[in-house]
Amino acid sequence: MASKDIRINQYIEKAQPFAKPILTHLRKLIHQGNPEVVETIKWGMPSFDYKGPFCSMASFKQHAVFGFWKGQLLKDPKNYLQERSARGGDAMGNLGRITSIKDLPPDSVIVDFVKQAKKLNDDGIKLPAKKSKIQSELIIPPYFLMAVKKNKKAFSVFEKFSPTNKKEYVLWVTEAKTEETRKSRLETAVHWMSEGKIRNWKYVK
């Protein structure tokens, strides 16, 4: 039995007219690909859990976004994720800026991504460990970036941070042991960044 959350109904109802069919469609496909997924709201946006974080979606004034927690591990032979992400510019998630259902990959492709994500969680596959001493691209979870973007000052500061300063905030939030702690840290991080502070500002003389 699919687990529905009335708060997602309310979120979709309050979304911009263009976004309502997009969010409704994505929600349907997520349940189609993984009937056991559990709906919830995290950091003010529709999220879906299944044996841990699974995927999430959100809408803004002019575009919607959608992303998988382990999107980088999904097999995408036809490059749907890469092409749409590149076209979407700096939009968060795996599909770039979504302004209509036409911007989405075919339904069968999205359902396949959902099934792949389900298997990754079933098999206990984790994201690659972050390399601290080797310079590599910082992986920022969609929920983190979405929360920061909601605060213009925080996002402006975050964009100007050095890779090290960005990493310190991201790791602090993502390595929290519980959902409650993660949420609290993210709220604090956004507040501190809105004031122009780095993660360890208390120790800076």
C-alpha atoms as a PDB file:
ATOM      1  CA  MET A   1       0.000   0.000   0.000  1.00  0.00           C
ATOM      2  CA  ALA A   2       1.439   3.341  -1.090  1.00  0.00           C
ATOM      3  CA  SER A   3       2.109   5.711   1.775  1.00  0.00           C
ATOM      4  CA  LYS A   4       0.762   9.182   0.939  1.00  0.00           C
ATOM      5  CA  ASP A   5       1.379  12.365   2.900  1.00  0.00           C
ATOM      6  CA  ILE A   6      -1.346  15.006   2.811  1.00  0.00           C
ATOM      7  CA  ARG A   7       1.325  17.686   3.163  1.00  0.00           C
ATOM      8  CA  ILE A   8       2.523  16.868  -0.345  1.00  0.00           C
ATOM      9  CA  ASN A   9      -1.031  17.356  -1.612  1.00  0.00           C
ATOM     10  CA  GLN A  10      -0.988  20.785   0.023  1.00  0.00           C
ATOM     11  CA  TYR A  11       2.477  21.586  -1.397  1.00  0.00           C
ATOM     12  CA  ILE A  12       1.329  20.761  -4.932  1.00  0.00           C
ATOM     13  CA  GLU A  13      -1.881  22.747  -4.496  1.00  0.00           C
ATOM     14  CA  LYS A  14       0.125  25.844  -3.512  1.00  0.00           C
ATOM     15  CA  ALA A  15       2.650  25.439  -6.347  1.00  0.00           C
ATOM     16  CA  GLN A  16       2.678  27.645  -9.442  1.00  0.00           C
ATOM     17  CA  PRO A  17       0.140  26.500 -12.111  1.00  0.00           C
ATOM     18  CA  PHE A  18       2.882  25.242 -14.451  1.00  0.00           C
ATOM     19  CA  ALA A  19       4.411  23.113 -11.673  1.00  0.00           C
ATOM     20  CA  LYS A  20       1.291  21.296 -10.487  1.00  0.00           C
ATOM     21  CA  PRO A  21       1.108  18.765 -13.368  1.00  0.00           C
ATOM     22  CA  ILE A  22       4.884  18.226 -13.196  1.00  0.00           C
ATOM     23  CA  LEU A  23       4.896  17.412  -9.482  1.00  0.00           C
ATOM     24  CA  THR A  24       1.751  15.297  -9.761  1.00  0.00           C
ATOM     25  CA  HIS A  25       3.246  13.330 -12.650  1.00  0.00           C
ATOM     26  CA  LEU A  26       6.583  12.752 -10.926  1.00  0.00           C
ATOM     27  CA  ARG A  27       4.802  11.637  -7.759  1.00  0.00           C
ATOM     28  CA  LYS A  28       2.798   9.101  -9.761  1.00  0.00           C
ATOM     29  CA  LEU A  29       5.897   7.700 -11.468  1.00  0.00           C
ATOM     30  CA  ILE A  30       7.804   7.426  -8.171  1.00  0.00           C
ATOM     31  CA  HIS A  31       5.037   5.275  -6.697  1.00  0.00           C
ATOM     32  CA  GLN A  32       4.809   3.300  -9.914  1.00  0.00           C
ATOM     33  CA  GLY A  33       8.492   2.439  -9.806  1.00  0.00           C
ATOM     34  CA  ASN A  34       8.591   1.835  -6.059  1.00  0.00           C
ATOM     35  CA  PRO A  35       5.195   1.137  -4.423  1.00  0.00           C
ATOM     36  CA  GLU A  36       6.906   0.876  -1.025  1.00  0.00           C
ATOM     37  CA  VAL A  37       8.225   4.426  -1.010  1.00  0.00           C
ATOM     38  CA  VAL A  38       7.172   6.626   1.921  1.00  0.00           C
ATOM     39  CA  GLU A  39       6.208  10.238   1.378  1.00  0.00           C
ATOM     40  CA  THR A  40       7.275  12.998   3.732  1.00  0.00           C
ATOM     41  CA  ILE A  41       8.260  16.651   3.833  1.00  0.00           C
ATOM     42  CA  LYS A  42      11.895  17.531   4.507  1.00  0.00           C
ATOM     43  CA  TRP A  43      13.172  21.083   4.636  1.00  0.00           C
ATOM     44  CA  GLY A  44       9.895  22.290   3.222  1.00  0.00           C
ATOM     45  CA  MET A  45       9.846  20.163   0.090  1.00  0.00           C
ATOM     46  CA  PRO A  46       8.278  16.824  -0.957  1.00  0.00           C
ATOM     47  CA  SER A  47      10.653  13.969  -0.244  1.00  0.00           C
ATOM     48  CA  PHE A  48      10.436  10.214  -0.603  1.00  0.00           C
ATOM     49  CA  ASP A  49      12.150   7.672   1.627  1.00  0.00           C
ATOM     50  CA  TYR A  50      12.810   3.987   1.140  1.00  0.00           C
ATOM     51  CA  LYS A  51      15.269   2.294   3.461  1.00  0.00           C
ATOM     52  CA  GLY A  52      16.860   5.720   3.824  1.00  0.00           C
ATOM     53  CA  PRO A  53      16.831   8.871   1.652  1.00  0.00           C
ATOM     54  CA  PHE A  54      15.468   8.151  -1.837  1.00  0.00           C
ATOM     55  CA  CYS A  55      14.465  11.170  -3.921  1.00  0.00           C
ATOM     56  CA  SER A  56      12.899  14.608  -3.681  1.00  0.00           C
ATOM     57  CA  MET A  57      11.239  17.286  -5.769  1.00  0.00           C
ATOM     58  CA  ALA A  58      10.425  20.961  -5.430  1.00  0.00           C
ATOM     59  CA  SER A  59       8.976  23.880  -7.338  1.00  0.00           C
ATOM     60  CA  PHE A  60       9.992  27.498  -7.563  1.00  0.00           C
ATOM     61  CA  LYS A  61       8.524  30.545  -9.310  1.00  0.00           C
ATOM     62  CA  GLN A  62       9.655  29.572 -12.785  1.00  0.00           C
ATOM     63  CA  HIS A  63      10.862  25.986 -12.647  1.00  0.00           C
ATOM     64  CA  ALA A  64      10.617  22.688 -10.811  1.00  0.00           C
ATOM     65  CA  VAL A  65      13.381  20.237  -9.889  1.00  0.00           C
ATOM     66  CA  PHE A  66      13.695  16.540  -9.171  1.00  0.00           C
ATOM     67  CA  GLY A  67      16.616  14.488  -7.918  1.00  0.00           C
ATOM     68  CA  PHE A  68      17.649  11.112  -6.554  1.00  0.00           C
ATOM     69  CA  TRP A  69      19.737  10.831  -3.399  1.00  0.00           C
ATOM     70  CA  LYS A  70      22.088   8.448  -5.235  1.00  0.00           C
ATOM     71  CA  GLY A  71      21.631   9.961  -8.669  1.00  0.00           C
ATOM     72  CA  GLN A  72      25.325   9.682  -9.498  1.00  0.00           C
ATOM     73  CA  LEU A  73      25.073   5.882  -9.232  1.00  0.00           C
ATOM     74  CA  LEU A  74      22.159   5.462 -11.648  1.00  0.00           C
ATOM     75  CA  LYS A  75      22.822   3.829 -15.011  1.00  0.00           C
ATOM     76  CA  ASP A  76      21.892   6.267 -17.746  1.00  0.00           C
ATOM     77  CA  PRO A  77      23.028   4.850 -21.126  1.00  0.00           C
ATOM     78  CA  LYS A  78      21.173   7.496 -23.155  1.00  0.00           C
ATOM     79  CA  ASN A  79      22.497  10.389 -21.020  1.00  0.00           C
ATOM     80  CA  TYR A  80      19.084  11.725 -20.039  1.00  0.00           C
ATOM     81  CA  LEU A  81      20.403  12.894 -16.687  1.00  0.00           C
ATOM     82  CA  GLN A  82      23.581  14.480 -18.002  1.00  0.00           C
ATOM     83  CA  GLU A  83      21.901  16.288 -20.909  1.00  0.00           C
ATOM     84  CA  ARG A  84      19.047  17.705 -18.850  1.00  0.00           C
ATOM     85  CA  SER A  85      21.292  18.648 -15.967  1.00  0.00           C
ATOM     86  CA  ALA A  86      23.616  20.516 -18.339  1.00  0.00           C
ATOM     87  CA  ARG A  87      20.695  22.258 -20.002  1.00  0.00           C
ATOM     88  CA  GLY A  88      19.348  23.229 -16.603  1.00  0.00           C
ATOM     89  CA  GLY A  89      22.431  25.244 -15.711  1.00  0.00           C
ATOM     90  CA  ASP A  90      22.840  25.658 -11.985  1.00  0.00           C
ATOM     91  CA  ALA A  91      19.476  24.083 -11.131  1.00  0.00           C
ATOM     92  CA  MET A  92      19.642  21.480  -8.412  1.00  0.00           C
ATOM     93  CA  GLY A  93      18.594  17.870  -8.826  1.00  0.00           C
ATOM     94  CA  ASN A  94      19.274  15.441 -11.661  1.00  0.00           C
ATOM     95  CA  LEU A  95      17.008  16.835 -14.374  1.00  0.00           C
ATOM     96  CA  GLY A  96      17.922  20.502 -14.435  1.00  0.00           C
ATOM     97  CA  ARG A  97      15.184  23.139 -14.770  1.00  0.00           C
ATOM     98  CA  ILE A  98      11.783  21.598 -15.433  1.00  0.00           C
ATOM     99  CA  THR A  99       9.172  24.001 -16.787  1.00  0.00           C
ATOM    100  CA  SER A 100       6.729  21.481 -18.266  1.00  0.00           C
ATOM    101  CA  ILE A 101       6.171  17.737 -18.477  1.00  0.00           C
ATOM    102  CA  LYS A 102       7.778  17.910 -21.919  1.00  0.00           C
ATOM    103  CA  ASP A 103      11.114  18.633 -20.193  1.00  0.00           C
ATOM    104  CA  LEU A 104      11.040  15.227 -18.503  1.00  0.00           C
ATOM    105  CA  PRO A 105      12.536  12.034 -19.936  1.00  0.00           C
ATOM    106  CA  PRO A 106      10.004   9.404 -21.091  1.00  0.00           C
ATOM    107  CA  ASP A 107       7.915   7.879 -18.318  1.00  0.00           C
ATOM    108  CA  SER A 108       9.559   4.492 -18.800  1.00  0.00           C
ATOM    109  CA  VAL A 109      12.987   6.047 -18.260  1.00  0.00           C
ATOM    110  CA  ILE A 110      11.989   7.790 -15.024  1.00  0.00           C
ATOM    111  CA  VAL A 111      10.364   4.600 -13.718  1.00  0.00           C
ATOM    112  CA  ASP A 112      13.558   2.718 -14.538  1.00  0.00           C
ATOM    113  CA  PHE A 113      15.601   5.275 -12.582  1.00  0.00           C
ATOM    114  CA  VAL A 114      13.219   4.815  -9.635  1.00  0.00           C
ATOM    115  CA  LYS A 115      13.622   1.035  -9.801  1.00  0.00           C
ATOM    116  CA  GLN A 116      17.405   1.395  -9.971  1.00  0.00           C
ATOM    117  CA  ALA A 117      17.365   3.681  -6.932  1.00  0.00           C
ATOM    118  CA  LYS A 118      15.224   1.141  -5.082  1.00  0.00           C
ATOM    119  CA  LYS A 119      17.684  -1.642  -5.816  1.00  0.00           C
ATOM    120  CA  LEU A 120      20.605   0.495  -4.644  1.00  0.00           C
ATOM    121  CA  ASN A 121      18.904   0.947  -1.272  1.00  0.00           C
ATOM    122  CA  ASP A 122      17.801  -2.706  -1.165  1.00  0.00           C
ATOM    123  CA  ASP A 123      21.405  -3.759  -1.690  1.00  0.00           C
ATOM    124  CA  GLY A 124      22.716  -1.245   0.831  1.00  0.00           C
ATOM    125  CA  ILE A 125      24.888   0.484  -1.776  1.00  0.00           C
ATOM    126  CA  LYS A 126      26.354   3.701  -0.414  1.00  0.00           C
ATOM    127  CA  LEU A 127      27.631   6.784  -2.157  1.00  0.00           C
ATOM    128  CA  PRO A 128      31.401   6.788  -2.732  1.00  0.00           C
ATOM    129  CA  ALA A 129      33.432   7.950   0.241  1.00  0.00           C
ATOM    130  CA  LYS A 130      34.526  11.550  -0.057  1.00  0.00           C
ATOM    131  CA  LYS A 131      38.201  12.050  -0.800  1.00  0.00           C
ATOM    132  CA  SER A 132      39.538  14.608   1.617  1.00  0.00           C
ATOM    133  CA  LYS A 133      43.094  15.016   0.348  1.00  0.00           C
ATOM    134  CA  ILE A 134      42.506  14.644  -3.354  1.00  0.00           C
ATOM    135  CA  GLN A 135      40.796  17.600  -4.970  1.00  0.00           C
ATOM    136  CA  SER A 136      37.496  16.359  -6.375  1.00  0.00           C
ATOM    137  CA  GLU A 137      34.068  17.725  -7.152  1.00  0.00           C
ATOM    138  CA  LEU A 138      32.065  18.287  -4.001  1.00  0.00           C
ATOM    139  CA  ILE A 139      28.819  16.326  -3.998  1.00  0.00           C
ATOM    140  CA  ILE A 140      26.096  18.544  -2.568  1.00  0.00           C
ATOM    141  CA  PRO A 141      22.808  16.729  -1.774  1.00  0.00           C
ATOM    142  CA  PRO A 142      19.755  18.270  -3.483  1.00  0.00           C
ATOM    143  CA  TYR A 143      18.026  18.922  -0.148  1.00  0.00           C
ATOM    144  CA  PHE A 144      21.042  20.896   1.099  1.00  0.00           C
ATOM    145  CA  LEU A 145      21.221  23.158  -1.932  1.00  0.00           C
ATOM    146  CA  MET A 146      17.455  23.651  -1.990  1.00  0.00           C
ATOM    147  CA  ALA A 147      17.464  24.812   1.623  1.00  0.00           C
ATOM    148  CA  VAL A 148      20.354  27.220   1.043  1.00  0.00           C
ATOM    149  CA  LYS A 149      18.799  28.659  -2.119  1.00  0.00           C
ATOM    150  CA  LYS A 150      15.678  29.616  -0.194  1.00  0.00           C
ATOM    151  CA  ASN A 151      17.786  32.240   1.598  1.00  0.00           C
ATOM    152  CA  LYS A 152      19.288  34.621  -0.967  1.00  0.00           C
ATOM    153  CA  LYS A 153      21.967  35.950   1.387  1.00  0.00           C
ATOM    154  CA  ALA A 154      23.022  32.456   2.461  1.00  0.00           C
ATOM    155  CA  PHE A 155      23.184  31.219  -1.130  1.00  0.00           C
ATOM    156  CA  SER A 156      25.223  34.232  -2.244  1.00  0.00           C
ATOM    157  CA  VAL A 157      27.724  33.606   0.557  1.00  0.00           C
ATOM    158  CA  PHE A 158      27.823  29.860  -0.125  1.00  0.00           C
ATOM    159  CA  GLU A 159      28.559  30.417  -3.820  1.00  0.00           C
ATOM    160  CA  LYS A 160      31.542  32.605  -2.945  1.00  0.00           C
ATOM    161  CA  PHE A 161      32.962  30.151  -0.393  1.00  0.00           C
ATOM    162  CA  SER A 162      36.165  28.275  -1.121  1.00  0.00           C
ATOM    163  CA  PRO A 163      35.789  24.519  -1.791  1.00  0.00           C
ATOM    164  CA  THR A 164      37.012  23.868   1.758  1.00  0.00           C
ATOM    165  CA  ASN A 165      34.437  26.140   3.365  1.00  0.00           C
ATOM    166  CA  LYS A 166      31.646  24.594   1.297  1.00  0.00           C
ATOM    167  CA  LYS A 167      32.803  21.107   2.192  1.00  0.00           C
ATOM    168  CA  GLU A 168      32.870  21.827   5.925  1.00  0.00           C
ATOM    169  CA  TYR A 169      29.212  22.830   5.894  1.00  0.00           C
ATOM    170  CA  VAL A 170      28.064  19.978   3.651  1.00  0.00           C
ATOM    171  CA  LEU A 171      29.869  17.316   5.691  1.00  0.00           C
ATOM    172  CA  TRP A 172      28.633  18.769   8.974  1.00  0.00           C
ATOM    173  CA  VAL A 173      25.047  18.428   7.801  1.00  0.00           C
ATOM    174  CA  THR A 174      25.217  15.129   5.890  1.00  0.00           C
ATOM    175  CA  GLU A 175      27.149  13.271   8.573  1.00  0.00           C
ATOM    176  CA  ALA A 176      24.495  13.899  11.239  1.00  0.00           C
ATOM    177  CA  LYS A 177      23.405  10.620  12.832  1.00  0.00           C
ATOM    178  CA  THR A 178      19.669  11.380  12.977  1.00  0.00           C
ATOM    179  CA  GLU A 179      17.145  13.168  10.795  1.00  0.00           C
ATOM    180  CA  GLU A 180      16.362  15.612  13.603  1.00  0.00           C
ATOM    181  CA  THR A 181      20.026  16.505  14.022  1.00  0.00           C
ATOM    182  CA  ARG A 182      20.485  16.868  10.266  1.00  0.00           C
ATOM    183  CA  LYS A 183      17.529  19.243  10.025  1.00  0.00           C
ATOM    184  CA  SER A 184      18.748  21.311  12.981  1.00  0.00           C
ATOM    185  CA  ARG A 185      22.262  21.570  11.544  1.00  0.00           C
ATOM    186  CA  LEU A 186      20.957  22.595   8.130  1.00  0.00           C
ATOM    187  CA  GLU A 187      18.825  25.357   9.632  1.00  0.00           C
ATOM    188  CA  THR A 188      21.811  26.585  11.645  1.00  0.00           C
ATOM    189  CA  ALA A 189      24.079  26.402   8.603  1.00  0.00           C
ATOM    190  CA  VAL A 190      21.713  28.527   6.513  1.00  0.00           C
ATOM    191  CA  HIS A 191      21.445  31.061   9.335  1.00  0.00           C
ATOM    192  CA  TRP A 192      25.216  31.299   9.765  1.00  0.00           C
ATOM    193  CA  MET A 193      25.823  31.587   6.035  1.00  0.00           C
ATOM    194  CA  SER A 194      23.216  34.355   5.792  1.00  0.00           C
ATOM    195  CA  GLU A 195      25.471  36.225   8.236  1.00  0.00           C
ATOM    196  CA  GLY A 196      28.551  35.535   6.128  1.00  0.00           C
ATOM    197  CA  LYS A 197      30.018  33.027   8.563  1.00  0.00           C
ATOM    198  CA  ILE A 198      32.110  29.964   7.758  1.00  0.00           C
ATOM    199  CA  ARG A 199      31.355  26.681   9.522  1.00  0.00           C
ATOM    200  CA  ASN A 200      34.017  27.143  12.229  1.00  0.00           C
ATOM    201  CA  TRP A 201      33.591  30.891  12.665  1.00  0.00           C
ATOM    202  CA  LYS A 202      33.615  30.558  16.454  1.00  0.00           C
ATOM    203  CA  TYR A 203      37.261  29.521  16.353  1.00  0.00           C
ATOM    204  CA  VAL A 204      38.444  32.305  14.077  1.00  0.00           C
ATOM    205  CA  LYS A 205      40.236  35.098  15.941  1.00  0.00           C
END
